[in-house]
Amino acid sequence: MIYLGREAGARTAHMAVTIDRRRQELLQILREAGKQPLTYRDLEAFGIQQPANLIYELELIGQPVERVYRNRASGTKALVGFRLKADEQTVPSPARRSRSAVIRNR
């Protein structure tokens, strides 16, 4: 579908707001997880669609997303998940504690 004129501008503005809201939600989830790395599957369970794309977008805009790895017996590294770098982690708000409890009880 091709949008022209005003309709194109409205469509673009709507998409920008949606992306910003999704980024904010992902940042909040990562903050609440604290030091616990979250996998793509974890993020999808919290309702984040296309988490790989959003992680990439956060990195592009300079957000301090850290990739956490573990060493395999073969000497290679395996991606465990993602978290915010230590200086960006905050204590979760009381309204969001239920999500934090799920993360800790995995």
Foldseek 3Di string as FASTA:
>chain_A
DDDDDPRVVVVVVVVVVVLVVLLVVVQLLLLLLQPQFDAPVLVVVVVRPPVVVSVVVCVVVPFQKDFDWDADPVRDIDTPHIHGPNVSHDHHDPVCVVSSVVSVVD
